[in-house]
Amino acid sequence: RSIVVIDRSGGWMLNWQRAYNALGIAHLRSPESLHLDPYDHSAMNVFASWARIEHEFVELEDGPPPSRGKTRGKGDAARFRGPYRLPTADGFCKFCAHLIDKAYGLGPLLREGEVTALEPLPDGAGFELTVARG
């Protein structure tokens, strides 16, 4: 059996990176614990320390109350509670590249192209893909 990842951009998260760069987005809205590592919620924090980029995080303290619907408590009890640290888009990309290439060895699985057809194999052991190249 073989596994491949097919992406028309030819790079892991390349379209995401291009969009963030084009829009000038410096930091993610999601805190450092929300990332690609399926096993360790603190993996990005550990990576940032190892890569010496923890100074790039933005501290997010208590936020405003929810804007939709009613608050669930009295006063500021329904406010978003921090502190959370928001990674830079660049730091997040470095972390993802580390996971893809070093931690999980997925880099060689990527192929540039676009899947145009997917047919199950007769023995049910996989699929045959038709791929159009860039």
Protein backbone atom coordinates (compact mmCIF):
# COMPACT_ATOMS: atom_id res chain seq x y z
CA ARG A 1 0.00 0.00 0.00
CA SER A 2 1.13 3.55 -0.60
CA ILE A 3 -0.10 6.90 0.56
CA VAL A 4 0.23 10.10 -1.40
CA VAL A 5 -0.95 13.64 -0.78
CA ILE A 6 -1.92 15.50 -3.92
CA ASP A 7 -2.14 19.27 -3.89
CA ARG A 8 -2.34 21.56 -6.86
CA SER A 9 -0.06 24.14 -5.22
CA GLY A 10 2.78 21.63 -4.92
CA GLY A 11 3.61 22.63 -1.35
CA TRP A 12 2.30 21.82 2.10
CA MET A 13 -0.03 24.66 3.17
CA LEU A 14 1.27 26.80 0.31
CA ASN A 15 -2.12 28.30 -0.59
CA TRP A 16 -2.69 29.15 3.09
CA GLN A 17 0.71 30.86 3.27
CA ARG A 18 0.05 32.82 0.08
CA ALA A 19 -3.33 34.02 1.35
CA TYR A 20 -1.95 35.12 4.73
CA ASN A 21 0.93 36.94 3.03
CA ALA A 22 -1.37 38.63 0.51
CA LEU A 23 -3.69 39.81 3.29
CA GLY A 24 -0.83 40.85 5.57
CA ILE A 25 -2.04 38.67 8.45
CA ALA A 26 0.77 38.61 11.01
CA HIS A 27 -0.75 36.49 13.79
CA LEU A 28 -3.28 33.67 13.95
CA ARG A 29 -6.58 34.15 15.78
CA SER A 30 -6.28 30.70 17.34
CA PRO A 31 -4.10 30.13 20.39
CA GLU A 32 -0.91 28.10 20.33
CA SER A 33 -2.65 24.92 21.54
CA LEU A 34 -4.76 24.64 18.35
CA HIS A 35 -2.46 23.15 15.74
CA LEU A 36 -1.77 20.10 13.57
CA ASP A 37 -0.10 17.80 16.09
CA PRO A 38 -2.68 15.12 16.94
CA TYR A 39 -0.86 13.89 20.04
CA ASP A 40 0.42 16.83 22.05
CA HIS A 41 -1.50 20.06 22.64
CA SER A 42 1.70 21.74 23.89
CA ALA A 43 3.81 20.78 20.85
CA MET A 44 3.81 24.28 19.36
CA ASN A 45 4.90 25.81 22.65
CA VAL A 46 7.75 23.28 22.90
CA PHE A 47 8.74 23.96 19.28
CA ALA A 48 8.69 27.74 19.84
CA SER A 49 11.02 27.35 22.78
CA TRP A 50 13.34 25.03 20.80
CA ALA A 51 13.32 27.33 17.74
CA ARG A 52 13.69 30.41 19.97
CA ILE A 53 10.60 32.14 18.55
CA GLU A 54 8.48 32.35 21.69
CA HIS A 55 9.03 36.13 21.72
CA GLU A 56 6.96 36.34 18.51
CA PHE A 57 3.73 35.27 20.24
CA VAL A 58 1.09 37.88 21.08
CA GLU A 59 -0.47 37.64 24.53
CA LEU A 60 -4.27 37.66 24.46
CA GLU A 61 -5.73 38.62 27.79
CA ASP A 62 -9.42 38.70 28.75
CA GLY A 63 -11.53 39.53 25.75
CA PRO A 64 -14.86 41.24 25.22
CA PRO A 65 -18.13 39.51 26.06
CA PRO A 66 -19.70 37.35 23.34
CA SER A 67 -21.27 39.43 20.56
CA ARG A 68 -24.00 36.95 19.58
CA GLY A 69 -27.00 36.06 21.67
CA LYS A 70 -27.22 36.53 25.39
CA THR A 71 -24.42 36.27 27.89
CA ARG A 72 -24.56 33.19 30.07
CA GLY A 73 -23.66 34.82 33.33
CA LYS A 74 -23.68 38.01 35.32
CA GLY A 75 -21.36 40.88 34.50
CA ASP A 76 -18.09 39.82 33.03
CA ALA A 77 -18.53 36.11 33.94
CA ALA A 78 -19.30 35.32 30.28
CA ARG A 79 -16.20 37.07 28.96
CA PHE A 80 -13.56 35.23 27.00
CA ARG A 81 -10.83 34.26 29.45
CA GLY A 82 -7.10 34.32 28.73
CA PRO A 83 -4.29 34.43 28.85
CA TYR A 84 -3.65 32.79 25.52
CA ARG A 85 -0.71 33.22 23.22
CA LEU A 86 -1.26 33.71 19.51
CA PRO A 87 1.52 32.51 17.20
CA THR A 88 2.76 34.43 14.20
CA ALA A 89 1.73 33.09 10.80
CA ASP A 90 5.43 32.57 10.02
CA GLY A 91 6.04 30.72 13.28
CA PHE A 92 2.99 28.53 12.66
CA CYS A 93 4.30 27.66 9.18
CA LYS A 94 7.71 26.77 10.62
CA PHE A 95 6.05 24.57 13.23
CA CYS A 96 3.89 22.83 10.60
CA ALA A 97 6.95 22.26 8.38
CA HIS A 98 8.72 20.73 11.37
CA LEU A 99 5.79 18.38 12.02
CA ILE A 100 5.42 17.41 8.38
CA ASP A 101 9.10 16.85 7.64
CA LYS A 102 10.83 16.00 10.91
CA ALA A 103 8.25 14.67 13.36
CA TYR A 104 6.08 12.62 10.99
CA GLY A 105 8.20 12.32 7.82
CA LEU A 106 5.31 13.21 5.51
CA GLY A 107 7.22 15.55 3.19
CA PRO A 108 8.01 12.94 0.50
CA LEU A 109 4.34 11.97 0.21
CA LEU A 110 3.35 15.26 -1.46
CA ARG A 111 2.79 15.32 -5.21
CA GLU A 112 1.79 18.34 -7.23
CA GLY A 113 -1.40 17.87 -9.21
CA GLU A 114 -5.17 17.83 -9.08
CA VAL A 115 -7.27 14.69 -8.67
CA THR A 116 -9.75 14.52 -11.53
CA ALA A 117 -11.08 10.99 -10.93
CA LEU A 118 -11.12 8.45 -8.09
CA GLU A 119 -12.04 4.81 -8.70
CA PRO A 120 -12.02 2.00 -6.12
CA LEU A 121 -9.71 -0.91 -6.92
CA PRO A 122 -11.49 -4.22 -7.69
CA ASP A 123 -10.03 -5.92 -4.61
CA GLY A 124 -11.21 -3.06 -2.38
CA ALA A 125 -7.64 -2.39 -1.21
CA GLY A 126 -7.46 1.21 -2.31
CA PHE A 127 -8.19 3.60 -5.11
CA GLU A 128 -6.88 4.45 -8.54
CA LEU A 129 -6.47 8.18 -9.02
CA THR A 130 -6.41 10.15 -12.22
CA VAL A 131 -4.25 13.21 -11.68
CA ALA A 132 -3.84 16.27 -13.87
CA ARG A 133 -0.46 17.93 -13.41
CA GLY A 134 -0.11 21.71 -12.88
